[in-house]
Amino acid sequence: MGRWYGKLLGVFAGAALLRVNPLLGALIGLLVGHAFDADWFRLRRDDPYAVLGLTSDAGDEEVDRAYRRLIGQYHPDRVAGAATELRQQAETRAREINRAYDRIKTLRGRK
């Protein structure tokens, strides 16, 4: 079951804030609460699986394969002879990939 407390708080807050029409306020609060419960307002950068181009139900082998493919592509040593801007972009992307891979391994209990 998903989260529900945002909807509940939204109903009460909406009804209290819109005292002229509490039913309309409760409905608006319910919709806003649902948006928070569904993480519509969360930045998607938090998702380490999205950085690797995977979904959260990917297996360990898929995660390792995606990591190796991406780090091989964006490793700073691969673009050592490229322009400075390209090297900086590759370094930034490699850091993101490493961070995402470490986060996934931590979440899954390193093996």
N, C-alpha and C. Protein backbone atom coordinates (compact mmCIF):
# COMPACT_ATOMS: atom_id res chain seq x y z
N MET A 1 0.84 -1.18 0.00
CA MET A 1 0.00 0.00 0.00
C MET A 1 0.89 1.24 0.00
N GLY A 2 0.49 2.23 -0.77
CA GLY A 2 1.27 3.47 -0.87
C GLY A 2 1.06 4.35 0.34
N ARG A 3 1.70 5.48 0.28
CA ARG A 3 1.56 6.43 1.37
C ARG A 3 0.18 7.08 1.32
N TRP A 4 -0.34 7.43 2.46
CA TRP A 4 -1.69 7.98 2.56
C TRP A 4 -1.77 9.24 3.40
N TYR A 5 -0.76 9.49 4.20
CA TYR A 5 -0.85 10.58 5.17
C TYR A 5 -0.86 11.96 4.51
N GLY A 6 -0.30 12.10 3.33
CA GLY A 6 -0.36 13.38 2.63
C GLY A 6 -1.78 13.73 2.23
N LYS A 7 -2.53 12.72 1.81
CA LYS A 7 -3.92 12.94 1.45
C LYS A 7 -4.74 13.37 2.66
N LEU A 8 -4.53 12.68 3.77
CA LEU A 8 -5.27 12.99 4.99
C LEU A 8 -4.96 14.41 5.48
N LEU A 9 -3.69 14.73 5.55
CA LEU A 9 -3.31 16.09 5.97
C LEU A 9 -3.82 17.14 4.99
N GLY A 10 -3.79 16.81 3.70
CA GLY A 10 -4.29 17.74 2.68
C GLY A 10 -5.76 18.03 2.84
N VAL A 11 -6.56 17.00 3.16
CA VAL A 11 -8.00 17.19 3.35
C VAL A 11 -8.25 18.14 4.51
N PHE A 12 -7.60 17.90 5.64
CA PHE A 12 -7.81 18.76 6.80
C PHE A 12 -7.29 20.18 6.56
N ALA A 13 -6.12 20.30 5.98
CA ALA A 13 -5.55 21.63 5.73
C ALA A 13 -6.40 22.39 4.72
N GLY A 14 -6.84 21.72 3.66
CA GLY A 14 -7.66 22.38 2.65
C GLY A 14 -8.99 22.84 3.21
N ALA A 15 -9.62 21.99 4.02
CA ALA A 15 -10.90 22.37 4.61
C ALA A 15 -10.73 23.54 5.58
N ALA A 16 -9.63 23.55 6.32
CA ALA A 16 -9.41 24.62 7.29
C ALA A 16 -9.05 25.93 6.60
N LEU A 17 -8.29 25.85 5.53
CA LEU A 17 -7.87 27.08 4.85
C LEU A 17 -8.97 27.68 3.99
N LEU A 18 -9.82 26.85 3.45
CA LEU A 18 -10.88 27.35 2.60
C LEU A 18 -12.21 27.21 3.35
N ARG A 19 -12.40 28.03 4.36
CA ARG A 19 -13.57 27.91 5.23
C ARG A 19 -14.86 28.30 4.54
N VAL A 20 -14.79 29.07 3.48
CA VAL A 20 -15.99 29.47 2.75
C VAL A 20 -16.67 28.24 2.15
N ASN A 21 -15.88 27.36 1.58
CA ASN A 21 -16.40 26.13 1.01
C ASN A 21 -15.48 24.99 1.45
N PRO A 22 -15.70 24.39 2.63
CA PRO A 22 -14.79 23.38 3.14
C PRO A 22 -14.72 22.13 2.27
N LEU A 23 -15.80 21.79 1.56
CA LEU A 23 -15.78 20.61 0.70
C LEU A 23 -14.81 20.82 -0.47
N LEU A 24 -14.86 21.98 -1.06
CA LEU A 24 -13.94 22.31 -2.15
C LEU A 24 -12.50 22.34 -1.63
N GLY A 25 -12.31 22.93 -0.46
CA GLY A 25 -10.98 22.97 0.14
C GLY A 25 -10.45 21.58 0.43
N ALA A 26 -11.33 20.69 0.92
CA ALA A 26 -10.92 19.32 1.20
C ALA A 26 -10.53 18.60 -0.09
N LEU A 27 -11.28 18.85 -1.17
CA LEU A 27 -10.98 18.22 -2.44
C LEU A 27 -9.63 18.70 -2.99
N ILE A 28 -9.41 19.99 -2.93
CA ILE A 28 -8.12 20.55 -3.38
C ILE A 28 -6.98 20.00 -2.52
N GLY A 29 -7.19 19.96 -1.21
CA GLY A 29 -6.18 19.40 -0.31
C GLY A 29 -5.90 17.94 -0.59
N LEU A 30 -6.95 17.19 -0.93
CA LEU A 30 -6.78 15.79 -1.27
C LEU A 30 -5.91 15.63 -2.51
N LEU A 31 -6.16 16.46 -3.51
CA LEU A 31 -5.36 16.38 -4.75
C LEU A 31 -3.90 16.75 -4.50
N VAL A 32 -3.68 17.81 -3.73
CA VAL A 32 -2.30 18.21 -3.42
C VAL A 32 -1.63 17.13 -2.57
N GLY A 33 -2.35 16.57 -1.60
CA GLY A 33 -1.80 15.49 -0.78
C GLY A 33 -1.44 14.27 -1.60
N HIS A 34 -2.28 13.96 -2.58
CA HIS A 34 -1.98 12.83 -3.47
C HIS A 34 -0.71 13.09 -4.27
N ALA A 35 -0.54 14.33 -4.73
CA ALA A 35 0.66 14.67 -5.48
C ALA A 35 1.91 14.49 -4.62
N PHE A 36 1.83 14.87 -3.34
CA PHE A 36 2.98 14.67 -2.46
C PHE A 36 3.21 13.20 -2.18
N ASP A 37 2.14 12.44 -1.97
CA ASP A 37 2.29 11.01 -1.71
C ASP A 37 2.88 10.28 -2.91
N ALA A 38 2.57 10.73 -4.11
CA ALA A 38 3.07 10.09 -5.32
C ALA A 38 4.44 10.63 -5.74
N ASP A 39 5.04 11.50 -4.92
CA ASP A 39 6.36 12.08 -5.18
C ASP A 39 6.42 12.86 -6.49
N TRP A 40 5.35 13.56 -6.82
CA TRP A 40 5.37 14.37 -8.02
C TRP A 40 6.28 15.56 -7.88
N PHE A 41 6.53 16.00 -6.65
CA PHE A 41 7.34 17.19 -6.42
C PHE A 41 8.79 16.86 -6.13
N ARG A 42 9.12 15.60 -6.05
CA ARG A 42 10.50 15.19 -5.77
C ARG A 42 11.32 15.25 -7.04
N LEU A 43 12.53 15.70 -6.90
CA LEU A 43 13.44 15.72 -8.04
C LEU A 43 13.82 14.29 -8.39
N ARG A 44 13.82 13.99 -9.64
CA ARG A 44 14.12 12.63 -10.08
C ARG A 44 15.61 12.30 -10.03
N ARG A 45 16.44 13.28 -9.68
CA ARG A 45 17.87 13.00 -9.54
C ARG A 45 18.15 12.07 -8.37
N ASP A 46 17.19 11.98 -7.45
CA ASP A 46 17.37 11.13 -6.28
C ASP A 46 17.40 9.65 -6.64
N ASP A 47 16.84 9.28 -7.77
CA ASP A 47 16.67 7.89 -8.14
C ASP A 47 17.97 7.34 -8.75
N PRO A 48 18.70 6.50 -8.00
CA PRO A 48 19.96 5.99 -8.56
C PRO A 48 19.73 5.05 -9.74
N TYR A 49 18.57 4.40 -9.79
CA TYR A 49 18.28 3.50 -10.90
C TYR A 49 18.11 4.28 -12.20
N ALA A 50 17.51 5.46 -12.13
CA ALA A 50 17.32 6.28 -13.33
C ALA A 50 18.66 6.75 -13.89
N VAL A 51 19.63 7.00 -13.03
CA VAL A 51 20.96 7.42 -13.49
C VAL A 51 21.60 6.32 -14.33
N LEU A 52 21.37 5.07 -13.93
CA LEU A 52 21.92 3.94 -14.68
C LEU A 52 21.00 3.48 -15.80
N GLY A 53 19.84 4.12 -15.94
CA GLY A 53 18.91 3.75 -17.00
C GLY A 53 18.16 2.47 -16.70
N LEU A 54 17.89 2.21 -15.44
CA LEU A 54 17.22 0.98 -15.02
C LEU A 54 15.97 1.30 -14.23
N THR A 55 15.19 0.26 -13.95
CA THR A 55 14.07 0.39 -13.03
C THR A 55 14.47 -0.25 -11.72
N SER A 56 13.69 0.00 -10.67
CA SER A 56 14.06 -0.50 -9.34
C SER A 56 13.94 -2.02 -9.22
N ASP A 57 13.30 -2.68 -10.17
CA ASP A 57 13.19 -4.13 -10.08
C ASP A 57 14.29 -4.84 -10.89
N ALA A 58 15.32 -4.10 -11.30
CA ALA A 58 16.44 -4.69 -12.03
C ALA A 58 17.26 -5.58 -11.10
N GLY A 59 17.76 -6.66 -11.64
CA GLY A 59 18.57 -7.58 -10.86
C GLY A 59 19.99 -7.08 -10.67
N ASP A 60 20.72 -7.76 -9.79
CA ASP A 60 22.10 -7.35 -9.51
C ASP A 60 22.98 -7.41 -10.75
N GLU A 61 22.79 -8.43 -11.58
CA GLU A 61 23.59 -8.56 -12.80
C GLU A 61 23.30 -7.41 -13.77
N GLU A 62 22.04 -7.04 -13.87
CA GLU A 62 21.68 -5.92 -14.75
C GLU A 62 22.29 -4.62 -14.26
N VAL A 63 22.29 -4.42 -12.95
CA VAL A 63 22.87 -3.21 -12.37
C VAL A 63 24.37 -3.18 -12.67
N ASP A 64 25.05 -4.30 -12.45
CA ASP A 64 26.48 -4.36 -12.72
C ASP A 64 26.79 -4.12 -14.20
N ARG A 65 25.99 -4.71 -15.07
CA ARG A 65 26.19 -4.56 -16.51
C ARG A 65 26.00 -3.10 -16.94
N ALA A 66 24.94 -2.48 -16.44
CA ALA A 66 24.67 -1.08 -16.79
C ALA A 66 25.79 -0.17 -16.26
N TYR A 67 26.24 -0.45 -15.03
CA TYR A 67 27.32 0.35 -14.45
C TYR A 67 28.59 0.23 -15.30
N ARG A 68 28.97 -0.99 -15.64
CA ARG A 68 30.20 -1.17 -16.43
C ARG A 68 30.11 -0.51 -17.79
N ARG A 69 28.94 -0.61 -18.42
CA ARG A 69 28.75 -0.01 -19.74
C ARG A 69 28.87 1.52 -19.65
N LEU A 70 28.19 2.11 -18.68
CA LEU A 70 28.20 3.57 -18.58
C LEU A 70 29.54 4.13 -18.10
N ILE A 71 30.16 3.47 -17.14
CA ILE A 71 31.44 3.98 -16.64
C ILE A 71 32.52 3.83 -17.71
N GLY A 72 32.41 2.79 -18.53
CA GLY A 72 33.34 2.64 -19.64
C GLY A 72 33.18 3.75 -20.67
N GLN A 73 31.95 4.19 -20.83
CA GLN A 73 31.65 5.23 -21.80
C GLN A 73 32.06 6.61 -21.31
N TYR A 74 31.88 6.88 -20.01
CA TYR A 74 32.11 8.22 -19.47
C TYR A 74 33.36 8.34 -18.60
N HIS A 75 34.18 7.33 -18.54
CA HIS A 75 35.37 7.39 -17.69
C HIS A 75 36.28 8.50 -18.19
N PRO A 76 36.79 9.33 -17.28
CA PRO A 76 37.63 10.47 -17.69
C PRO A 76 38.87 10.05 -18.50
N ASP A 77 39.42 8.88 -18.26
CA ASP A 77 40.58 8.43 -19.02
C ASP A 77 40.23 8.17 -20.49
N ARG A 78 38.97 7.85 -20.76
CA ARG A 78 38.54 7.61 -22.14
C ARG A 78 38.56 8.88 -22.97
N VAL A 79 38.32 10.00 -22.34
CA VAL A 79 38.24 11.27 -23.06
C VAL A 79 39.41 12.19 -22.69
N ALA A 80 40.55 11.62 -22.38
CA ALA A 80 41.69 12.41 -21.92
C ALA A 80 42.17 13.38 -22.99
N GLY A 81 42.05 13.03 -24.26
CA GLY A 81 42.54 13.91 -25.33
C GLY A 81 41.49 14.87 -25.84
N ALA A 82 40.31 14.85 -25.27
CA ALA A 82 39.21 15.70 -25.76
C ALA A 82 39.32 17.12 -25.19
N ALA A 83 38.41 17.95 -25.61
CA ALA A 83 38.39 19.34 -25.14
C ALA A 83 38.12 19.38 -23.64
N THR A 84 38.53 20.46 -23.02
CA THR A 84 38.40 20.62 -21.57
C THR A 84 36.95 20.51 -21.13
N GLU A 85 36.05 21.15 -21.85
CA GLU A 85 34.63 21.11 -21.49
C GLU A 85 34.08 19.69 -21.56
N LEU A 86 34.48 18.95 -22.56
CA LEU A 86 34.02 17.56 -22.71
C LEU A 86 34.56 16.69 -21.58
N ARG A 87 35.82 16.92 -21.21
CA ARG A 87 36.40 16.16 -20.09
C ARG A 87 35.67 16.45 -18.80
N GLN A 88 35.34 17.71 -18.55
CA GLN A 88 34.62 18.07 -17.32
C GLN A 88 33.24 17.44 -17.29
N GLN A 89 32.55 17.41 -18.44
CA GLN A 89 31.24 16.77 -18.49
C GLN A 89 31.35 15.28 -18.22
N ALA A 90 32.39 14.64 -18.77
CA ALA A 90 32.59 13.21 -18.55
C ALA A 90 32.90 12.93 -17.08
N GLU A 91 33.71 13.77 -16.47
CA GLU A 91 34.03 13.59 -15.04
C GLU A 91 32.78 13.73 -14.17
N THR A 92 31.96 14.72 -14.48
CA THR A 92 30.72 14.93 -13.73
C THR A 92 29.80 13.74 -13.88
N ARG A 93 29.64 13.26 -15.10
CA ARG A 93 28.76 12.11 -15.37
C ARG A 93 29.31 10.85 -14.70
N ALA A 94 30.63 10.66 -14.72
CA ALA A 94 31.23 9.49 -14.08
C ALA A 94 31.00 9.54 -12.57
N ARG A 95 31.09 10.73 -11.97
CA ARG A 95 30.80 10.86 -10.54
C ARG A 95 29.35 10.50 -10.23
N GLU A 96 28.43 10.95 -11.08
CA GLU A 96 27.01 10.61 -10.89
C GLU A 96 26.79 9.10 -10.99
N ILE A 97 27.43 8.48 -11.95
CA ILE A 97 27.28 7.03 -12.15
C ILE A 97 27.84 6.28 -10.95
N ASN A 98 29.03 6.68 -10.48
CA ASN A 98 29.62 6.03 -9.31
C ASN A 98 28.75 6.20 -8.08
N ARG A 99 28.23 7.41 -7.88
CA ARG A 99 27.36 7.68 -6.73
C ARG A 99 26.10 6.81 -6.78
N ALA A 100 25.50 6.71 -7.97
CA ALA A 100 24.28 5.92 -8.12
C ALA A 100 24.56 4.44 -7.87
N TYR A 101 25.67 3.95 -8.39
CA TYR A 101 26.02 2.53 -8.21
C TYR A 101 26.29 2.23 -6.73
N ASP A 102 27.02 3.11 -6.07
CA ASP A 102 27.28 2.93 -4.63
C ASP A 102 25.99 2.97 -3.83
N ARG A 103 25.08 3.87 -4.20
CA ARG A 103 23.80 3.98 -3.49
C ARG A 103 22.98 2.70 -3.66
N ILE A 104 22.94 2.16 -4.88
CA ILE A 104 22.19 0.92 -5.12
C ILE A 104 22.80 -0.22 -4.33
N LYS A 105 24.10 -0.32 -4.33
CA LYS A 105 24.76 -1.40 -3.58
C LYS A 105 24.51 -1.26 -2.09
N THR A 106 24.49 -0.03 -1.59
CA THR A 106 24.21 0.20 -0.18
C THR A 106 22.77 -0.20 0.14
N LEU A 107 21.84 0.19 -0.72
CA LEU A 107 20.44 -0.15 -0.49
C LEU A 107 20.20 -1.66 -0.50
N ARG A 108 20.93 -2.34 -1.33
CA ARG A 108 20.74 -3.79 -1.46
C ARG A 108 21.60 -4.57 -0.48
N GLY A 109 22.42 -3.92 0.29
CA GLY A 109 23.30 -4.61 1.23
C GLY A 109 24.43 -5.26 0.47
N ARG A 110 25.49 -4.54 0.30
CA ARG A 110 26.64 -4.96 -0.55
C ARG A 110 26.90 -6.45 -0.49
N LYS A 111 27.14 -6.97 -1.67
CA LYS A 111 27.42 -8.41 -1.78
C LYS A 111 28.82 -8.63 -2.27
